[in-house]
Amino acid sequence: SLGDFNMTYWSNEIRSFRQATELENSRRNITLNTFGGPYSHIFYSNDFECIFFQEVRNKDQDGIGIVGTYQFKSRLPIN
């Protein structure tokens, strides 16, 4: 699920959404100088792992989007 939900990832609505859908959040941290907090999100299932996440900014450092890279989780047998 990808989008601008107009809510921060710690809002009750987003937390409830993630709990109900069992989706993971791509963001591992936030930039505190972002006014109002992060509103764009990429959520993904437990079958994947996020290996790259970045906010995209224009030349004036305004946030214009986000990008993420994902891969299937390794399912190696456990001895």
C-alpha atoms as a PDB file:
ATOM      1  CA  SER A   1       0.000   0.000   0.000  1.00  0.00           C
ATOM      2  CA  LEU A   2       1.492   3.311  -1.078  1.00  0.00           C
ATOM      3  CA  GLY A   3       0.186   6.806  -0.681  1.00  0.00           C
ATOM      4  CA  ASP A   4      -0.088  10.163   0.963  1.00  0.00           C
ATOM      5  CA  PHE A   5      -2.458   9.361   3.797  1.00  0.00           C
ATOM      6  CA  ASN A   6      -2.308  12.895   5.257  1.00  0.00           C
ATOM      7  CA  MET A   7      -1.409  11.311   8.630  1.00  0.00           C
ATOM      8  CA  THR A   8       1.855  10.571  10.379  1.00  0.00           C
ATOM      9  CA  TYR A   9       2.783   6.927  10.859  1.00  0.00           C
ATOM     10  CA  TRP A  10       2.289   7.219  14.621  1.00  0.00           C
ATOM     11  CA  SER A  11      -1.316   8.443  14.304  1.00  0.00           C
ATOM     12  CA  ASN A  12      -3.998   6.190  15.795  1.00  0.00           C
ATOM     13  CA  GLU A  13      -5.581   5.647  12.376  1.00  0.00           C
ATOM     14  CA  ILE A  14      -2.354   4.500  10.731  1.00  0.00           C
ATOM     15  CA  ARG A  15      -1.444   2.295  13.686  1.00  0.00           C
ATOM     16  CA  SER A  16      -4.925   0.716  13.591  1.00  0.00           C
ATOM     17  CA  PHE A  17      -4.651   0.236   9.814  1.00  0.00           C
ATOM     18  CA  ARG A  18      -1.278  -1.486  10.156  1.00  0.00           C
ATOM     19  CA  GLN A  19      -2.513  -3.701  12.964  1.00  0.00           C
ATOM     20  CA  ALA A  20      -5.648  -4.749  11.046  1.00  0.00           C
ATOM     21  CA  THR A  21      -3.742  -5.440   7.803  1.00  0.00           C
ATOM     22  CA  GLU A  22      -0.553  -6.773   9.434  1.00  0.00           C
ATOM     23  CA  LEU A  23       1.527  -4.546   7.149  1.00  0.00           C
ATOM     24  CA  GLU A  24       5.016  -3.281   7.925  1.00  0.00           C
ATOM     25  CA  ASN A  25       6.095   0.367   7.730  1.00  0.00           C
ATOM     26  CA  SER A  26       8.958   1.244   5.371  1.00  0.00           C
ATOM     27  CA  ARG A  27      10.057   4.202   7.486  1.00  0.00           C
ATOM     28  CA  ARG A  28      12.642   3.392  10.101  1.00  0.00           C
ATOM     29  CA  ASN A  29      13.180   6.971  11.196  1.00  0.00           C
ATOM     30  CA  ILE A  30      11.959  10.479  10.486  1.00  0.00           C
ATOM     31  CA  THR A  31      13.611  13.759   9.707  1.00  0.00           C
ATOM     32  CA  LEU A  32      12.639  15.979  12.623  1.00  0.00           C
ATOM     33  CA  ASN A  33      13.069  19.167  10.607  1.00  0.00           C
ATOM     34  CA  THR A  34      10.147  18.107   8.387  1.00  0.00           C
ATOM     35  CA  PHE A  35       7.330  20.477   9.316  1.00  0.00           C
ATOM     36  CA  GLY A  36       4.254  18.532  10.336  1.00  0.00           C
ATOM     37  CA  GLY A  37       5.881  15.131  10.032  1.00  0.00           C
ATOM     38  CA  PRO A  38       5.918  12.485   7.305  1.00  0.00           C
ATOM     39  CA  TYR A  39       2.606  11.912   5.524  1.00  0.00           C
ATOM     40  CA  SER A  40       3.707   9.674   2.637  1.00  0.00           C
ATOM     41  CA  HIS A  41       3.976   6.001   3.423  1.00  0.00           C
ATOM     42  CA  ILE A  42       4.789   2.657   1.861  1.00  0.00           C
ATOM     43  CA  PHE A  43       3.441  -0.333   3.763  1.00  0.00           C
ATOM     44  CA  TYR A  44       4.360  -3.888   2.810  1.00  0.00           C
ATOM     45  CA  SER A  45       3.588  -7.459   3.816  1.00  0.00           C
ATOM     46  CA  ASN A  46       5.707  -9.669   6.019  1.00  0.00           C
ATOM     47  CA  ASP A  47       6.759 -11.665   2.915  1.00  0.00           C
ATOM     48  CA  PHE A  48       9.114  -8.826   1.945  1.00  0.00           C
ATOM     49  CA  GLU A  49      11.849  -6.786   3.534  1.00  0.00           C
ATOM     50  CA  CYS A  50      12.567  -3.140   2.865  1.00  0.00           C
ATOM     51  CA  ILE A  51      16.190  -2.792   1.805  1.00  0.00           C
ATOM     52  CA  PHE A  52      16.114   0.904   0.860  1.00  0.00           C
ATOM     53  CA  PHE A  53      13.844   3.834   1.690  1.00  0.00           C
ATOM     54  CA  GLN A  54      14.386   7.505   0.906  1.00  0.00           C
ATOM     55  CA  GLU A  55      12.459  10.736   0.789  1.00  0.00           C
ATOM     56  CA  VAL A  56      12.756  12.480  -2.583  1.00  0.00           C
ATOM     57  CA  ARG A  57      13.337  16.236  -2.457  1.00  0.00           C
ATOM     58  CA  ASN A  58      13.514  18.957  -5.083  1.00  0.00           C
ATOM     59  CA  LYS A  59      16.352  21.487  -5.378  1.00  0.00           C
ATOM     60  CA  ASP A  60      14.756  23.609  -2.618  1.00  0.00           C
ATOM     61  CA  GLN A  61      14.688  20.549  -0.325  1.00  0.00           C
ATOM     62  CA  ASP A  62      10.879  20.351  -0.413  1.00  0.00           C
ATOM     63  CA  GLY A  63       9.561  16.811  -0.075  1.00  0.00           C
ATOM     64  CA  ILE A  64       8.093  15.645  -3.381  1.00  0.00           C
ATOM     65  CA  GLY A  65       7.776  11.909  -2.782  1.00  0.00           C
ATOM     66  CA  ILE A  66       9.298   8.726  -1.450  1.00  0.00           C
ATOM     67  CA  VAL A  67      10.945   5.672  -2.959  1.00  0.00           C
ATOM     68  CA  GLY A  68      11.518   2.190  -1.568  1.00  0.00           C
ATOM     69  CA  THR A  69      13.199  -1.003  -2.691  1.00  0.00           C
ATOM     70  CA  TYR A  70      11.967  -4.392  -1.489  1.00  0.00           C
ATOM     71  CA  GLN A  71      12.931  -8.021  -1.825  1.00  0.00           C
ATOM     72  CA  PHE A  72      11.373 -11.320  -0.856  1.00  0.00           C
ATOM     73  CA  LYS A  73      12.519 -12.477   2.557  1.00  0.00           C
ATOM     74  CA  SER A  74      15.004 -15.290   2.560  1.00  0.00           C
ATOM     75  CA  ARG A  75      13.344 -18.575   3.510  1.00  0.00           C
ATOM     76  CA  LEU A  76      16.473 -20.624   4.282  1.00  0.00           C
ATOM     77  CA  PRO A  77      15.912 -23.836   6.228  1.00  0.00           C
ATOM     78  CA  ILE A  78      16.839 -23.703   9.902  1.00  0.00           C
ATOM     79  CA  ASN A  79      19.080 -26.585  11.075  1.00  0.00           C
END
